[in-house]
Protein backbone atom coordinates (compact mmCIF):
# COMPACT_ATOMS: atom_id res chain seq x y z
CA MET A 1 153.52 274.29 159.56
CA ALA A 2 152.77 271.86 162.08
CA GLN A 3 149.83 269.55 162.36
CA SER A 4 146.71 271.17 163.57
CA GLN A 5 143.19 269.90 164.67
CA THR A 6 140.31 271.29 166.22
CA LYS A 7 137.50 268.92 167.63
CA MET A 8 134.34 270.22 168.57
CA GLN A 9 131.01 268.37 169.26
CA ASN A 10 129.92 266.52 166.22
CA GLN A 11 132.79 267.67 164.04
CA VAL A 12 136.65 267.70 163.49
CA VAL A 13 138.90 269.71 161.30
CA ALA A 14 142.57 268.97 160.79
CA SER A 15 145.46 269.77 158.50
CA ASN A 16 149.29 269.46 158.06
CA VAL A 17 151.99 270.36 155.75
CA VAL A 18 154.77 267.84 155.14
CA ALA A 19 157.88 268.64 153.27
CA ASP A 20 160.31 266.29 151.55
CA ILE A 21 158.60 263.00 151.95
CA ILE A 22 161.09 260.34 151.11
CA ALA A 23 160.77 257.12 148.76
CA ALA A 24 161.91 254.85 151.54
CA GLY A 25 159.35 253.93 153.98
CA ASN A 26 156.16 255.64 154.99
CA THR A 27 155.82 259.21 156.29
CA ASP A 28 153.01 260.25 158.56
CA LEU A 29 150.95 262.86 157.15
CA LEU A 30 147.93 263.37 159.29
CA GLU A 31 146.42 261.88 162.44
CA VAL A 32 142.50 262.64 163.20
CA LEU A 33 140.64 262.02 166.15
CA THR A 34 137.38 260.60 164.87
CA ASP A 35 135.64 259.39 167.95
CA GLY A 36 131.82 260.33 167.38
CA ILE A 37 132.39 261.17 163.72
CA GLU A 38 130.79 259.33 161.04
CA ARG A 39 132.37 260.60 157.77
CA LEU A 40 135.80 262.18 157.04
CA ALA A 41 136.59 264.09 153.87
CA VAL A 42 140.21 264.30 153.14
CA GLU A 43 142.00 266.34 150.54
CA ILE A 44 145.74 265.79 149.52
CA VAL A 45 147.51 268.70 147.52
CA LEU A 46 150.79 267.08 146.10
CA THR A 47 153.61 269.10 144.69
CA VAL A 48 156.90 267.97 143.09
CA GLN A 49 156.80 264.25 143.02
CA SER A 50 154.10 261.50 142.76
CA PHE A 51 152.97 259.11 145.53
CA ASP A 52 153.92 255.44 145.39
CA ALA A 53 151.87 254.49 148.51
CA PHE A 54 148.98 256.14 150.52
CA ILE A 55 147.78 254.34 153.42
CA MET A 56 144.93 254.70 155.94
CA GLN A 57 145.53 253.23 159.46
CA ALA A 58 143.07 253.27 162.29
CA LYS A 59 142.81 252.72 166.03
CA ILE A 60 139.78 250.66 166.91
CA HIS A 61 140.04 251.29 170.78
CA PRO A 62 141.93 253.89 172.70
CA ASN A 63 144.34 251.41 173.96
CA SER A 64 145.03 249.80 170.39
CA ALA A 65 147.89 250.24 168.25
CA TYR A 66 147.25 251.57 164.62
CA VAL A 67 146.46 248.85 162.25
CA THR A 68 146.22 249.22 158.51
CA ILE A 69 142.79 249.54 157.15
CA THR A 70 143.49 250.19 153.42
CA ASN A 71 146.36 251.04 151.24
CA ALA A 72 144.13 250.90 148.19
CA ILE A 73 141.98 254.18 148.25
CA THR A 74 140.47 254.18 144.80
CA ALA A 75 137.52 255.76 142.92
CA THR A 76 135.66 252.44 143.16
CA PRO A 77 133.61 252.66 146.64
CA GLY A 78 134.10 249.83 149.05
CA GLY A 79 134.86 249.14 152.80
CA VAL A 80 135.55 252.44 154.34
CA VAL A 81 136.04 254.19 151.03
CA LEU A 82 132.57 255.92 150.09
CA ALA A 83 134.05 257.80 147.20
CA ALA A 84 137.31 259.22 146.08
CA SER A 85 138.97 261.06 143.13
CA GLY A 86 141.23 258.23 142.02
CA THR A 87 143.81 255.97 143.33
CA LEU A 88 145.59 258.10 145.99
CA ALA A 89 148.55 255.72 146.15
CA THR A 90 149.62 256.65 142.65
CA LEU A 91 148.58 260.43 142.99
CA ALA A 92 150.58 262.72 140.69
CA PRO A 93 151.24 266.28 141.60
CA GLY A 94 147.83 267.83 141.92
CA THR A 95 144.89 267.47 143.99
CA GLY A 96 143.13 264.15 145.41
CA TRP A 97 140.37 263.40 147.64
CA ALA A 98 138.47 260.77 149.55
CA LEU A 99 135.26 260.42 151.58
CA LEU A 100 135.80 257.86 154.26
CA ASP A 101 133.29 255.91 156.87
CA VAL A 102 135.11 256.42 160.27
CA ARG A 103 132.32 255.47 162.42
CA PRO A 104 134.10 252.28 163.74
CA PHE A 105 137.31 254.18 164.75
CA ILE A 106 138.76 256.36 167.67
CA ALA A 107 141.33 257.75 165.50
CA VAL A 108 142.78 257.40 161.80
CA LYS A 109 146.31 258.21 160.36
CA PHE A 110 147.36 258.71 156.93
CA GLN A 111 150.98 257.76 155.66
CA ALA A 112 152.56 258.15 152.27
CA SER A 113 155.74 257.64 150.47
CA ALA A 114 157.09 259.53 147.34
CA ALA A 115 157.98 257.74 143.99
CA VAL A 116 161.06 259.86 144.13
CA ASP A 117 162.64 261.65 147.29
CA GLY A 118 161.30 265.12 147.82
CA ALA A 119 157.34 265.15 147.56
CA ASP A 120 155.60 268.09 149.57
CA VAL A 121 152.03 267.50 150.60
CA THR A 122 149.24 269.69 152.25
CA ILE A 123 146.64 267.31 153.63
CA ARG A 124 143.35 268.59 155.18
CA ALA A 125 140.33 266.91 156.68
CA LYS A 126 136.93 267.50 157.98
CA GLY A 127 134.76 265.07 159.56
CA SER A 128 131.11 265.36 160.91
CA VAL A 129 128.18 263.25 162.04
């Protein structure tokens, strides 16, 4: 399945399925246009292998490059993380989630690497004002 995204006034919905995430380097999972969006909920359904990294990057301006905003999404709120199910960088097979404040950003992107080659993930996001 290829990444899909629907952007409506005051709302965005996006999803992607990524197979065979490798242990070396970070694999792009999902990019979401967040212009006009205040909060973004992200759900990660991981199968087969655990993560050893989960990174949130963002564009601050349409002409900006992506910069890493956090690689430490944890259950302790702070910064852009309003709430989360746990530390997504060490997510074991199962489901994790995060609620994020994306008001300052034009777009956000999520990346991950697997602890061992072969992780499969379904990632979904919904944002609104």
